[in-house]
N, C-alpha and C. Protein backbone atom coordinates (compact mmCIF):
# COMPACT_ATOMS: atom_id res chain seq x y z
N MET A 1 129.82 29.25 28.61
CA MET A 1 129.66 28.99 30.03
C MET A 1 129.59 27.51 30.28
N GLY A 2 130.27 27.00 31.27
CA GLY A 2 130.35 25.57 31.53
C GLY A 2 128.98 25.00 31.98
N SER A 3 128.86 23.71 31.77
CA SER A 3 127.57 23.09 32.11
C SER A 3 127.37 23.00 33.62
N SER A 4 128.50 23.15 34.39
CA SER A 4 128.37 23.11 35.85
C SER A 4 127.80 24.37 36.48
N MET A 5 127.65 25.41 35.68
CA MET A 5 127.13 26.67 36.19
C MET A 5 125.66 26.51 36.58
N PRO A 6 125.31 26.83 37.85
CA PRO A 6 123.91 26.67 38.26
C PRO A 6 122.98 27.66 37.53
N GLU A 7 121.74 27.27 37.35
CA GLU A 7 120.80 28.18 36.69
C GLU A 7 120.30 29.26 37.70
N TYR A 8 119.78 30.31 37.11
CA TYR A 8 119.24 31.38 37.92
C TYR A 8 117.98 30.84 38.65
N ASP A 9 117.97 31.00 39.99
CA ASP A 9 116.88 30.52 40.82
C ASP A 9 116.23 31.64 41.52
N ILE A 10 115.06 32.07 41.14
CA ILE A 10 114.45 33.26 41.74
C ILE A 10 114.13 33.10 43.20
N ARG A 11 113.78 31.93 43.64
CA ARG A 11 113.53 31.70 45.09
C ARG A 11 114.77 31.77 45.91
N ARG A 12 115.86 31.28 45.41
CA ARG A 12 117.16 31.41 46.05
C ARG A 12 117.59 32.86 46.14
N GLU A 13 117.37 33.58 45.06
CA GLU A 13 117.76 34.99 45.04
C GLU A 13 116.92 35.83 46.00
N ALA A 14 115.62 35.50 46.07
CA ALA A 14 114.74 36.23 47.02
C ALA A 14 115.17 35.99 48.43
N ARG A 15 115.60 34.74 48.76
CA ARG A 15 116.04 34.44 50.09
C ARG A 15 117.39 35.12 50.38
N HIS A 16 118.18 35.28 49.37
CA HIS A 16 119.47 35.91 49.57
C HIS A 16 119.37 37.40 49.94
N ASP A 17 118.30 38.04 49.48
CA ASP A 17 118.19 39.49 49.67
C ASP A 17 117.66 39.95 51.01
N TRP A 18 118.05 39.32 52.07
CA TRP A 18 117.55 39.66 53.44
C TRP A 18 117.92 41.08 53.78
N ALA A 19 119.08 41.58 53.26
CA ALA A 19 119.47 42.95 53.63
C ALA A 19 118.51 43.95 52.99
N VAL A 20 117.98 43.65 51.85
CA VAL A 20 116.99 44.50 51.22
C VAL A 20 115.75 44.64 52.07
N TYR A 21 115.29 43.50 52.60
CA TYR A 21 114.13 43.52 53.47
C TYR A 21 114.36 44.36 54.74
N LEU A 22 115.58 44.29 55.24
CA LEU A 22 115.95 45.09 56.44
C LEU A 22 115.90 46.56 56.12
N VAL A 23 116.41 46.93 54.93
CA VAL A 23 116.33 48.35 54.51
C VAL A 23 114.90 48.82 54.46
N TRP A 24 114.00 48.00 53.86
CA TRP A 24 112.60 48.39 53.75
C TRP A 24 111.99 48.58 55.17
N LEU A 25 112.34 47.65 56.08
CA LEU A 25 111.81 47.75 57.44
C LEU A 25 112.26 49.01 58.14
N LEU A 26 113.51 49.38 57.91
CA LEU A 26 114.04 50.60 58.50
C LEU A 26 113.34 51.81 57.93
N MET A 27 113.21 51.82 56.62
CA MET A 27 112.49 52.91 55.92
C MET A 27 111.07 53.14 56.46
N LEU A 28 110.36 52.02 56.55
CA LEU A 28 108.98 52.13 57.01
C LEU A 28 108.90 52.53 58.48
N SER A 29 109.81 51.98 59.23
CA SER A 29 109.77 52.32 60.71
C SER A 29 110.09 53.80 60.89
N ALA A 30 111.16 54.28 60.23
CA ALA A 30 111.48 55.70 60.35
C ALA A 30 110.43 56.60 59.79
N GLY A 31 109.86 56.20 58.63
CA GLY A 31 108.87 57.04 58.00
C GLY A 31 107.60 57.10 58.82
N ILE A 32 107.12 56.01 59.35
CA ILE A 32 105.88 56.05 60.17
C ILE A 32 106.13 56.85 61.45
N TRP A 33 107.35 56.73 62.04
CA TRP A 33 107.62 57.57 63.19
C TRP A 33 107.63 59.06 62.83
N ALA A 34 108.18 59.41 61.64
CA ALA A 34 108.31 60.80 61.28
C ALA A 34 107.05 61.42 60.82
N MET A 35 106.12 60.64 60.30
CA MET A 35 104.85 61.20 59.69
C MET A 35 104.15 62.24 60.51
N PRO A 36 103.88 61.99 61.82
CA PRO A 36 103.20 63.04 62.64
C PRO A 36 103.96 64.35 62.75
N HIS A 37 105.26 64.29 62.49
CA HIS A 37 106.11 65.48 62.70
C HIS A 37 106.39 66.22 61.35
N LEU A 38 105.93 65.64 60.27
CA LEU A 38 106.24 66.24 58.95
C LEU A 38 105.22 67.34 58.62
N PRO A 39 105.62 68.34 57.82
CA PRO A 39 104.69 69.33 57.40
C PRO A 39 103.66 68.77 56.42
N ALA A 40 102.63 69.57 56.11
CA ALA A 40 101.58 69.08 55.16
C ALA A 40 102.13 68.85 53.73
N ARG A 41 103.24 69.60 53.43
CA ARG A 41 103.86 69.44 52.11
C ARG A 41 105.34 69.10 52.36
N VAL A 42 105.73 67.90 52.08
CA VAL A 42 107.08 67.49 52.32
C VAL A 42 107.90 67.65 51.04
N PRO A 43 109.04 68.35 51.06
CA PRO A 43 109.85 68.44 49.80
C PRO A 43 110.43 67.09 49.44
N THR A 44 110.20 66.70 48.19
CA THR A 44 110.69 65.35 47.77
C THR A 44 111.47 65.43 46.49
N HIS A 45 111.50 66.56 45.82
CA HIS A 45 112.20 66.73 44.55
C HIS A 45 112.89 68.08 44.54
N PHE A 46 114.16 68.09 44.05
CA PHE A 46 114.97 69.27 44.15
C PHE A 46 115.61 69.56 42.78
N GLY A 47 115.69 70.85 42.44
CA GLY A 47 116.32 71.22 41.19
C GLY A 47 117.86 71.27 41.31
N LEU A 48 118.49 71.61 40.20
CA LEU A 48 119.93 71.68 40.17
C LEU A 48 120.46 72.77 41.03
N ASN A 49 119.66 73.77 41.34
CA ASN A 49 120.05 74.85 42.25
C ASN A 49 119.91 74.50 43.73
N GLY A 50 119.41 73.25 43.99
CA GLY A 50 119.27 72.81 45.35
C GLY A 50 117.92 73.17 46.01
N GLN A 51 117.11 73.92 45.26
CA GLN A 51 115.80 74.32 45.81
C GLN A 51 114.74 73.27 45.56
N ALA A 52 113.87 73.10 46.55
CA ALA A 52 112.77 72.14 46.34
C ALA A 52 111.83 72.62 45.26
N ASN A 53 111.43 71.69 44.35
CA ASN A 53 110.45 72.03 43.34
C ASN A 53 109.42 70.93 43.16
N GLY A 54 109.33 70.07 44.14
CA GLY A 54 108.28 69.00 44.16
C GLY A 54 107.96 68.63 45.59
N TRP A 55 106.74 68.40 45.89
CA TRP A 55 106.29 68.11 47.26
C TRP A 55 105.27 66.96 47.24
N MET A 56 105.17 66.27 48.41
CA MET A 56 104.16 65.24 48.58
C MET A 56 103.54 65.38 49.93
N SER A 57 102.42 64.70 50.16
CA SER A 57 101.84 64.63 51.48
C SER A 57 102.79 63.77 52.39
N PRO A 58 102.67 63.89 53.69
CA PRO A 58 103.55 62.99 54.54
C PRO A 58 103.38 61.46 54.21
N ALA A 59 102.16 61.03 53.91
CA ALA A 59 101.99 59.63 53.59
C ALA A 59 102.67 59.28 52.26
N GLY A 60 102.55 60.18 51.28
CA GLY A 60 103.18 59.94 50.01
C GLY A 60 104.64 59.94 50.12
N ALA A 61 105.21 60.87 50.92
CA ALA A 61 106.64 60.99 51.06
C ALA A 61 107.23 59.77 51.73
N VAL A 62 106.44 59.06 52.54
CA VAL A 62 106.89 57.86 53.19
C VAL A 62 106.71 56.58 52.33
N PHE A 63 105.50 56.43 51.79
CA PHE A 63 105.16 55.16 51.14
C PHE A 63 105.57 55.08 49.66
N VAL A 64 105.57 56.20 48.96
CA VAL A 64 105.97 56.19 47.53
C VAL A 64 107.39 55.74 47.33
N PRO A 65 108.39 56.29 48.07
CA PRO A 65 109.79 55.77 47.87
C PRO A 65 109.90 54.26 48.16
N VAL A 66 109.24 53.81 49.21
CA VAL A 66 109.29 52.37 49.51
C VAL A 66 108.72 51.57 48.36
N GLY A 67 107.54 52.01 47.89
CA GLY A 67 106.88 51.31 46.74
C GLY A 67 107.73 51.35 45.51
N VAL A 68 108.43 52.42 45.22
CA VAL A 68 109.29 52.49 44.03
C VAL A 68 110.47 51.54 44.19
N SER A 69 111.08 51.49 45.33
CA SER A 69 112.23 50.61 45.52
C SER A 69 111.79 49.16 45.44
N VAL A 70 110.58 48.80 45.92
CA VAL A 70 110.03 47.44 45.79
C VAL A 70 109.86 47.08 44.30
N LEU A 71 109.26 47.97 43.53
CA LEU A 71 109.04 47.70 42.11
C LEU A 71 110.36 47.51 41.36
N VAL A 72 111.33 48.33 41.58
CA VAL A 72 112.63 48.21 40.92
C VAL A 72 113.32 46.93 41.35
N TRP A 73 113.27 46.62 42.62
CA TRP A 73 113.87 45.34 43.08
C TRP A 73 113.16 44.16 42.40
N LEU A 74 111.85 44.18 42.38
CA LEU A 74 111.13 43.05 41.71
C LEU A 74 111.50 42.95 40.22
N LEU A 75 111.67 44.04 39.53
CA LEU A 75 112.02 44.03 38.12
C LEU A 75 113.39 43.33 38.00
N LEU A 76 114.36 43.74 38.82
CA LEU A 76 115.70 43.17 38.74
C LEU A 76 115.67 41.66 39.14
N LEU A 77 114.79 41.31 40.07
CA LEU A 77 114.69 39.91 40.52
C LEU A 77 114.05 39.04 39.48
N VAL A 78 112.98 39.52 38.83
CA VAL A 78 112.16 38.68 37.90
C VAL A 78 112.70 38.68 36.49
N ALA A 79 113.36 39.76 36.09
CA ALA A 79 113.81 39.89 34.66
C ALA A 79 114.56 38.70 34.13
N PRO A 80 115.52 38.18 34.93
CA PRO A 80 116.26 37.03 34.40
C PRO A 80 115.39 35.81 34.11
N VAL A 81 114.31 35.66 34.77
CA VAL A 81 113.41 34.46 34.57
C VAL A 81 112.82 34.54 33.16
N ILE A 82 112.47 35.75 32.69
CA ILE A 82 111.79 35.83 31.41
C ILE A 82 112.75 36.22 30.29
N ASP A 83 113.99 36.35 30.60
CA ASP A 83 114.98 36.69 29.55
C ASP A 83 115.36 35.49 28.73
N PRO A 84 115.29 35.56 27.36
CA PRO A 84 115.69 34.44 26.56
C PRO A 84 117.14 34.01 26.81
N ARG A 85 117.97 34.94 27.30
CA ARG A 85 119.37 34.64 27.60
C ARG A 85 119.59 34.37 29.10
N ARG A 86 118.59 33.75 29.68
CA ARG A 86 118.60 33.50 31.13
C ARG A 86 119.87 32.73 31.57
N ARG A 87 120.39 31.90 30.71
CA ARG A 87 121.54 31.07 31.04
C ARG A 87 122.80 31.90 31.33
N ASN A 88 122.83 33.13 30.88
CA ASN A 88 124.03 33.98 31.11
C ASN A 88 124.05 34.70 32.48
N TYR A 89 122.95 34.76 33.17
CA TYR A 89 122.89 35.51 34.43
C TYR A 89 123.78 34.96 35.52
N PRO A 90 123.85 33.65 35.72
CA PRO A 90 124.70 33.13 36.78
C PRO A 90 126.18 33.61 36.66
N ALA A 91 126.60 33.96 35.45
CA ALA A 91 127.98 34.37 35.22
C ALA A 91 128.28 35.71 35.88
N PHE A 92 127.22 36.52 36.11
CA PHE A 92 127.46 37.83 36.75
C PHE A 92 126.50 37.98 37.94
N LEU A 93 126.23 36.90 38.64
CA LEU A 93 125.24 36.93 39.71
C LEU A 93 125.66 37.83 40.89
N PRO A 94 126.99 37.84 41.30
CA PRO A 94 127.40 38.79 42.34
C PRO A 94 127.08 40.23 42.02
N PHE A 95 127.29 40.61 40.81
CA PHE A 95 126.95 42.01 40.38
C PHE A 95 125.49 42.24 40.46
N LEU A 96 124.66 41.30 40.00
CA LEU A 96 123.19 41.44 40.01
C LEU A 96 122.69 41.56 41.43
N ARG A 97 123.24 40.74 42.33
CA ARG A 97 122.82 40.81 43.75
C ARG A 97 123.18 42.15 44.35
N ALA A 98 124.38 42.59 44.10
CA ALA A 98 124.84 43.91 44.64
C ALA A 98 124.01 45.01 44.05
N LEU A 99 123.71 44.93 42.79
CA LEU A 99 122.89 45.97 42.16
C LEU A 99 121.51 46.07 42.80
N ARG A 100 120.88 44.92 43.06
CA ARG A 100 119.52 44.99 43.69
C ARG A 100 119.61 45.71 45.05
N LEU A 101 120.63 45.37 45.83
CA LEU A 101 120.78 45.99 47.13
C LEU A 101 121.10 47.49 47.01
N LEU A 102 122.03 47.82 46.14
CA LEU A 102 122.48 49.20 46.03
C LEU A 102 121.40 50.12 45.52
N VAL A 103 120.60 49.66 44.59
CA VAL A 103 119.47 50.50 44.10
C VAL A 103 118.51 50.79 45.23
N VAL A 104 118.20 49.77 46.02
CA VAL A 104 117.32 50.00 47.18
C VAL A 104 117.98 50.95 48.19
N LEU A 105 119.32 50.84 48.39
CA LEU A 105 119.98 51.70 49.30
C LEU A 105 120.00 53.13 48.84
N VAL A 106 120.16 53.32 47.48
CA VAL A 106 120.11 54.70 46.95
C VAL A 106 118.75 55.37 47.24
N VAL A 107 117.71 54.58 47.01
CA VAL A 107 116.35 55.14 47.29
C VAL A 107 116.24 55.42 48.78
N ALA A 108 116.73 54.53 49.62
CA ALA A 108 116.65 54.70 51.05
C ALA A 108 117.39 55.91 51.54
N LEU A 109 118.54 56.17 51.00
CA LEU A 109 119.34 57.33 51.41
C LEU A 109 118.70 58.63 50.96
N MET A 110 118.12 58.63 49.72
CA MET A 110 117.40 59.86 49.31
C MET A 110 116.13 60.05 50.14
N PHE A 111 115.50 58.92 50.52
CA PHE A 111 114.32 58.98 51.38
C PHE A 111 114.73 59.59 52.72
N ALA A 112 115.88 59.18 53.28
CA ALA A 112 116.28 59.66 54.56
C ALA A 112 116.59 61.15 54.51
N ALA A 113 117.22 61.54 53.38
CA ALA A 113 117.54 62.96 53.21
C ALA A 113 116.24 63.80 53.15
N SER A 114 115.29 63.29 52.38
CA SER A 114 114.01 64.01 52.25
C SER A 114 113.27 64.11 53.62
N MET A 115 113.30 63.01 54.39
CA MET A 115 112.68 63.03 55.73
C MET A 115 113.39 64.03 56.63
N TRP A 116 114.73 64.01 56.64
CA TRP A 116 115.51 64.91 57.43
C TRP A 116 115.18 66.40 57.10
N ARG A 117 115.14 66.65 55.81
CA ARG A 117 114.78 68.03 55.37
C ARG A 117 113.33 68.36 55.77
N GLY A 118 112.43 67.39 55.58
CA GLY A 118 111.05 67.66 55.97
C GLY A 118 110.83 67.91 57.39
N LEU A 119 111.68 67.35 58.24
CA LEU A 119 111.59 67.53 59.70
C LEU A 119 112.18 68.88 60.15
N GLY A 120 112.64 69.66 59.14
CA GLY A 120 113.08 71.00 59.42
C GLY A 120 114.59 71.20 59.64
N HIS A 121 115.35 70.11 59.40
CA HIS A 121 116.81 70.23 59.55
C HIS A 121 117.43 70.66 58.22
N PRO A 122 118.46 71.55 58.29
CA PRO A 122 119.11 72.00 57.09
C PRO A 122 119.90 70.87 56.40
N LEU A 123 119.67 70.67 55.13
CA LEU A 123 120.41 69.70 54.37
C LEU A 123 120.27 70.00 52.93
N GLN A 124 121.37 69.93 52.19
CA GLN A 124 121.33 70.12 50.75
C GLN A 124 121.15 68.73 50.12
N VAL A 125 119.87 68.41 49.81
CA VAL A 125 119.51 67.08 49.29
C VAL A 125 120.17 66.81 47.96
N GLY A 126 120.32 67.82 47.16
CA GLY A 126 121.01 67.66 45.86
C GLY A 126 122.40 67.16 45.98
N ASN A 127 123.13 67.59 47.03
CA ASN A 127 124.48 67.14 47.28
C ASN A 127 124.46 65.64 47.67
N VAL A 128 123.47 65.24 48.45
CA VAL A 128 123.35 63.83 48.80
C VAL A 128 123.13 62.98 47.56
N ALA A 129 122.29 63.49 46.63
CA ALA A 129 122.04 62.80 45.40
C ALA A 129 123.31 62.63 44.57
N VAL A 130 124.13 63.66 44.52
CA VAL A 130 125.41 63.55 43.79
C VAL A 130 126.26 62.43 44.37
N LEU A 131 126.33 62.40 45.68
CA LEU A 131 127.19 61.37 46.35
C LEU A 131 126.65 59.95 46.09
N VAL A 132 125.37 59.72 46.33
CA VAL A 132 124.89 58.35 46.22
C VAL A 132 124.81 57.88 44.77
N VAL A 133 124.32 58.79 43.91
CA VAL A 133 124.16 58.36 42.49
C VAL A 133 125.59 58.26 41.87
N GLY A 134 126.44 59.18 42.21
CA GLY A 134 127.86 59.05 41.71
C GLY A 134 128.50 57.78 42.09
N MET A 135 128.32 57.35 43.35
CA MET A 135 128.94 56.09 43.83
C MET A 135 128.26 54.91 43.17
N LEU A 136 126.99 54.97 42.96
CA LEU A 136 126.29 53.88 42.21
C LEU A 136 126.85 53.80 40.82
N PHE A 137 127.01 54.91 40.18
CA PHE A 137 127.53 54.97 38.78
C PHE A 137 128.95 54.36 38.76
N MET A 138 129.76 54.65 39.77
CA MET A 138 131.10 54.12 39.81
C MET A 138 131.09 52.61 39.98
N PHE A 139 130.18 52.11 40.87
CA PHE A 139 130.10 50.67 41.04
C PHE A 139 129.64 49.98 39.72
N ILE A 140 128.64 50.56 39.09
CA ILE A 140 128.20 49.93 37.82
C ILE A 140 129.29 49.90 36.79
N GLY A 141 130.02 51.06 36.67
CA GLY A 141 131.09 51.16 35.71
C GLY A 141 132.20 50.15 36.02
N ASN A 142 132.50 49.94 37.30
CA ASN A 142 133.55 49.03 37.63
C ASN A 142 133.23 47.58 37.37
N SER A 143 131.92 47.25 37.31
CA SER A 143 131.47 45.88 37.17
C SER A 143 130.96 45.57 35.76
N LEU A 144 130.83 46.61 34.92
CA LEU A 144 130.13 46.45 33.66
C LEU A 144 130.77 45.41 32.71
N GLY A 145 132.07 45.33 32.79
CA GLY A 145 132.78 44.39 31.88
C GLY A 145 132.47 42.93 32.16
N ARG A 146 131.87 42.64 33.37
CA ARG A 146 131.53 41.25 33.69
C ARG A 146 130.13 40.87 33.35
N VAL A 147 129.33 41.81 32.89
CA VAL A 147 127.95 41.50 32.55
C VAL A 147 127.87 40.82 31.19
N ARG A 148 127.27 39.61 31.19
CA ARG A 148 127.17 38.87 30.01
C ARG A 148 125.96 39.27 29.18
N HIS A 149 125.94 38.84 27.95
CA HIS A 149 124.94 39.21 26.94
C HIS A 149 123.50 38.86 27.44
N ASN A 150 122.65 39.90 27.59
CA ASN A 150 121.27 39.66 28.03
C ASN A 150 120.40 40.81 27.57
N TYR A 151 119.10 40.73 27.83
CA TYR A 151 118.18 41.78 27.35
C TYR A 151 117.70 42.77 28.39
N PHE A 152 118.15 42.69 29.63
CA PHE A 152 117.65 43.54 30.66
C PHE A 152 118.70 44.37 31.38
N VAL A 153 119.91 43.87 31.54
CA VAL A 153 120.89 44.50 32.40
C VAL A 153 122.11 44.88 31.51
N GLY A 154 122.51 46.10 31.54
CA GLY A 154 123.64 46.55 30.76
C GLY A 154 123.30 47.55 29.72
N ILE A 155 124.20 47.73 28.76
CA ILE A 155 124.01 48.68 27.71
C ILE A 155 123.34 48.01 26.52
N ARG A 156 122.06 48.27 26.41
CA ARG A 156 121.24 47.53 25.41
C ARG A 156 120.91 48.49 24.29
N THR A 157 121.70 48.35 23.20
CA THR A 157 121.43 49.06 21.96
C THR A 157 121.13 48.02 20.92
N PRO A 158 120.61 48.44 19.76
CA PRO A 158 120.33 47.47 18.67
C PRO A 158 121.63 46.67 18.32
N TRP A 159 122.76 47.27 18.44
CA TRP A 159 123.98 46.67 18.02
C TRP A 159 124.61 45.78 19.05
N THR A 160 124.51 46.11 20.34
CA THR A 160 125.00 45.21 21.39
C THR A 160 124.12 43.97 21.49
N LEU A 161 122.81 44.13 21.30
CA LEU A 161 121.89 43.00 21.39
C LEU A 161 122.02 42.12 20.19
N ALA A 162 122.49 42.64 19.06
CA ALA A 162 122.60 41.80 17.84
C ALA A 162 123.90 41.06 17.77
N ASN A 163 124.90 41.44 18.53
CA ASN A 163 126.20 40.80 18.39
C ASN A 163 126.90 40.75 19.73
N GLU A 164 127.29 39.55 20.20
CA GLU A 164 127.90 39.40 21.53
C GLU A 164 129.28 40.09 21.58
N GLU A 165 130.02 40.10 20.46
CA GLU A 165 131.32 40.79 20.47
C GLU A 165 131.17 42.28 20.63
N VAL A 166 130.15 42.84 20.01
CA VAL A 166 129.87 44.26 20.18
C VAL A 166 129.48 44.54 21.65
N TRP A 167 128.63 43.63 22.19
CA TRP A 167 128.33 43.75 23.64
C TRP A 167 129.56 43.80 24.48
N ARG A 168 130.44 42.85 24.30
CA ARG A 168 131.64 42.68 25.13
C ARG A 168 132.50 43.99 25.02
N ARG A 169 132.77 44.39 23.82
CA ARG A 169 133.67 45.56 23.60
C ARG A 169 133.04 46.84 24.15
N THR A 170 131.73 47.00 23.96
CA THR A 170 131.05 48.21 24.44
C THR A 170 131.08 48.27 25.95
N HIS A 171 130.85 47.19 26.59
CA HIS A 171 130.79 47.21 28.07
C HIS A 171 132.23 47.40 28.64
N ARG A 172 133.20 46.84 28.01
CA ARG A 172 134.56 47.07 28.50
C ARG A 172 134.97 48.54 28.29
N PHE A 173 134.52 49.15 27.25
CA PHE A 173 134.86 50.55 26.98
C PHE A 173 134.06 51.46 27.89
N ALA A 174 132.79 51.19 28.02
CA ALA A 174 131.87 52.11 28.79
C ALA A 174 132.11 52.09 30.30
N GLY A 175 132.69 50.95 30.83
CA GLY A 175 132.86 50.83 32.26
C GLY A 175 133.74 51.94 32.81
N PRO A 176 134.99 52.13 32.32
CA PRO A 176 135.78 53.26 32.79
C PRO A 176 135.19 54.63 32.56
N VAL A 177 134.49 54.79 31.49
CA VAL A 177 133.83 56.07 31.21
C VAL A 177 132.81 56.36 32.32
N MET A 178 132.01 55.36 32.71
CA MET A 178 131.03 55.52 33.79
C MET A 178 131.70 55.79 35.12
N MET A 179 132.81 55.12 35.40
CA MET A 179 133.48 55.34 36.65
C MET A 179 134.03 56.79 36.76
N VAL A 180 134.60 57.29 35.70
CA VAL A 180 135.05 58.68 35.70
C VAL A 180 133.86 59.61 35.87
N GLY A 181 132.77 59.30 35.10
CA GLY A 181 131.57 60.14 35.15
C GLY A 181 130.92 60.17 36.53
N GLY A 182 131.07 59.13 37.31
CA GLY A 182 130.56 59.12 38.69
C GLY A 182 131.51 59.81 39.63
N LEU A 183 132.80 59.70 39.41
CA LEU A 183 133.80 60.23 40.33
C LEU A 183 133.93 61.76 40.24
N LEU A 184 133.92 62.29 39.05
CA LEU A 184 134.22 63.77 38.85
C LEU A 184 133.19 64.61 39.60
N PRO A 185 131.90 64.35 39.52
CA PRO A 185 130.95 65.22 40.29
C PRO A 185 131.21 65.15 41.81
N ILE A 186 131.56 63.97 42.31
CA ILE A 186 131.85 63.85 43.74
C ILE A 186 133.08 64.67 44.13
N VAL A 187 134.12 64.62 43.29
CA VAL A 187 135.33 65.39 43.55
C VAL A 187 135.04 66.91 43.51
N LEU A 188 134.21 67.31 42.58
CA LEU A 188 133.92 68.70 42.42
C LEU A 188 132.92 69.26 43.52
N LEU A 189 132.13 68.40 44.08
CA LEU A 189 131.08 68.76 45.01
C LEU A 189 131.51 69.68 46.19
N PRO A 190 132.63 69.38 46.87
CA PRO A 190 132.97 70.25 47.99
C PRO A 190 133.40 71.65 47.62
N PHE A 191 133.84 71.84 46.39
CA PHE A 191 134.34 73.13 45.92
C PHE A 191 133.31 73.93 45.15
N TRP A 192 132.43 73.27 44.46
CA TRP A 192 131.45 73.97 43.60
C TRP A 192 130.19 73.09 43.51
N PRO A 193 129.34 73.06 44.56
CA PRO A 193 128.27 72.12 44.64
C PRO A 193 127.31 72.13 43.44
N GLN A 194 126.88 73.35 42.97
CA GLN A 194 125.94 73.40 41.89
C GLN A 194 126.58 72.83 40.59
N ALA A 195 127.85 73.12 40.36
CA ALA A 195 128.51 72.55 39.21
C ALA A 195 128.60 71.01 39.31
N GLY A 196 128.80 70.53 40.55
CA GLY A 196 128.87 69.09 40.75
C GLY A 196 127.52 68.44 40.42
N ARG A 197 126.41 69.10 40.79
CA ARG A 197 125.10 68.54 40.48
C ARG A 197 124.85 68.56 38.95
N ILE A 198 125.26 69.64 38.31
CA ILE A 198 125.13 69.75 36.85
C ILE A 198 125.96 68.67 36.14
N LEU A 199 127.21 68.53 36.68
CA LEU A 199 128.12 67.58 36.06
C LEU A 199 127.62 66.17 36.16
N LEU A 200 126.92 65.83 37.26
CA LEU A 200 126.38 64.50 37.37
C LEU A 200 125.40 64.19 36.29
N LEU A 201 124.53 65.16 36.05
CA LEU A 201 123.56 64.98 34.97
C LEU A 201 124.21 64.86 33.62
N VAL A 202 125.18 65.70 33.38
CA VAL A 202 125.95 65.64 32.11
C VAL A 202 126.69 64.33 31.97
N SER A 203 127.24 63.86 33.09
CA SER A 203 127.97 62.55 33.04
C SER A 203 127.06 61.42 32.71
N VAL A 204 125.88 61.37 33.34
CA VAL A 204 124.95 60.28 33.06
C VAL A 204 124.52 60.28 31.63
N LEU A 205 124.06 61.44 31.14
CA LEU A 205 123.62 61.56 29.73
C LEU A 205 124.77 61.33 28.80
N GLY A 206 125.92 61.90 29.08
CA GLY A 206 127.09 61.76 28.22
C GLY A 206 127.58 60.33 28.12
N SER A 207 127.60 59.65 29.25
CA SER A 207 128.06 58.23 29.22
C SER A 207 127.13 57.37 28.36
N VAL A 208 125.83 57.61 28.49
CA VAL A 208 124.88 56.85 27.67
C VAL A 208 125.10 57.11 26.18
N LEU A 209 125.25 58.42 25.83
CA LEU A 209 125.44 58.77 24.43
C LEU A 209 126.76 58.18 23.86
N VAL A 210 127.80 58.29 24.65
CA VAL A 210 129.08 57.71 24.23
C VAL A 210 129.03 56.25 23.98
N ALA A 211 128.34 55.52 24.89
CA ALA A 211 128.20 54.05 24.76
C ALA A 211 127.39 53.70 23.54
N VAL A 212 126.31 54.42 23.27
CA VAL A 212 125.47 54.17 22.11
C VAL A 212 126.31 54.38 20.79
N VAL A 213 126.99 55.49 20.71
CA VAL A 213 127.81 55.72 19.51
C VAL A 213 128.88 54.70 19.39
N TYR A 214 129.56 54.39 20.44
CA TYR A 214 130.67 53.41 20.37
C TYR A 214 130.14 52.07 19.91
N SER A 215 129.02 51.63 20.41
CA SER A 215 128.48 50.30 20.02
C SER A 215 128.15 50.29 18.54
N TYR A 216 127.64 51.41 18.03
CA TYR A 216 127.34 51.46 16.60
C TYR A 216 128.61 51.38 15.75
N LEU A 217 129.68 52.11 16.17
CA LEU A 217 130.91 52.11 15.41
C LEU A 217 131.57 50.74 15.49
N VAL A 218 131.54 50.07 16.62
CA VAL A 218 132.11 48.73 16.69
C VAL A 218 131.31 47.76 15.80
N PHE A 219 130.05 47.87 15.84
CA PHE A 219 129.20 47.02 14.98
C PHE A 219 129.50 47.21 13.51
N ARG A 220 129.67 48.48 13.10
CA ARG A 220 129.97 48.76 11.70
C ARG A 220 131.36 48.19 11.34
N ARG A 221 132.35 48.30 12.26
CA ARG A 221 133.67 47.79 12.02
C ARG A 221 133.68 46.24 11.89
N ILE A 222 132.90 45.60 12.74
CA ILE A 222 132.82 44.18 12.66
C ILE A 222 132.11 43.69 11.42
N ALA A 223 131.04 44.41 11.13
CA ALA A 223 130.23 44.03 9.93
C ALA A 223 131.01 44.19 8.63
N SER A 224 131.92 45.16 8.60
CA SER A 224 132.69 45.42 7.38
C SER A 224 133.85 44.47 7.16
N ASN A 225 134.19 43.70 8.19
CA ASN A 225 135.31 42.76 8.07
C ASN A 225 134.88 41.43 7.48
């Protein structure tokens, strides 16, 4: 990386994320408005069959998702500061900024779906999850090849962390796999919703497993040369 590349600046990044703060404001405003109208048990978790299997109080259903998104955002914001490979983050800063916003948006969309369902409107929340998580998976897969060697973001196995060439090859290989894994459940969803929800889970777990195995095989191949 050239010497002209600016260093990661957490204050600049925090100022950049004004859209994230707007999403939180909308979540809190909508949630506080909805709280008096919500039932005593708000459905917040749904099984693969689309049926609710987890509930929270109205206050929990409103404030827990906001708190979770704040914590995840903070982790993504602060992690580069404490990463020994901090110098590599500016090389993929647009991806990191988009990831912070998209993760918060995913939580916000699932929050909105839960609120809508809690207010008594018919909605298959599991289908919403397939759409938003599948699209997030596709975005990550499309951008994965640009993520430089680091300890917090990307496919972190013992072999990718030990060798930058293994990191590079693994991320270039896993990116298209993740894109397909995010797209297929979305395509299947209109025709066979339950299968689409199951396929999303399989795609997430399968992509991780494939990436781990591939990184090991590449490491072995490089080590043997």
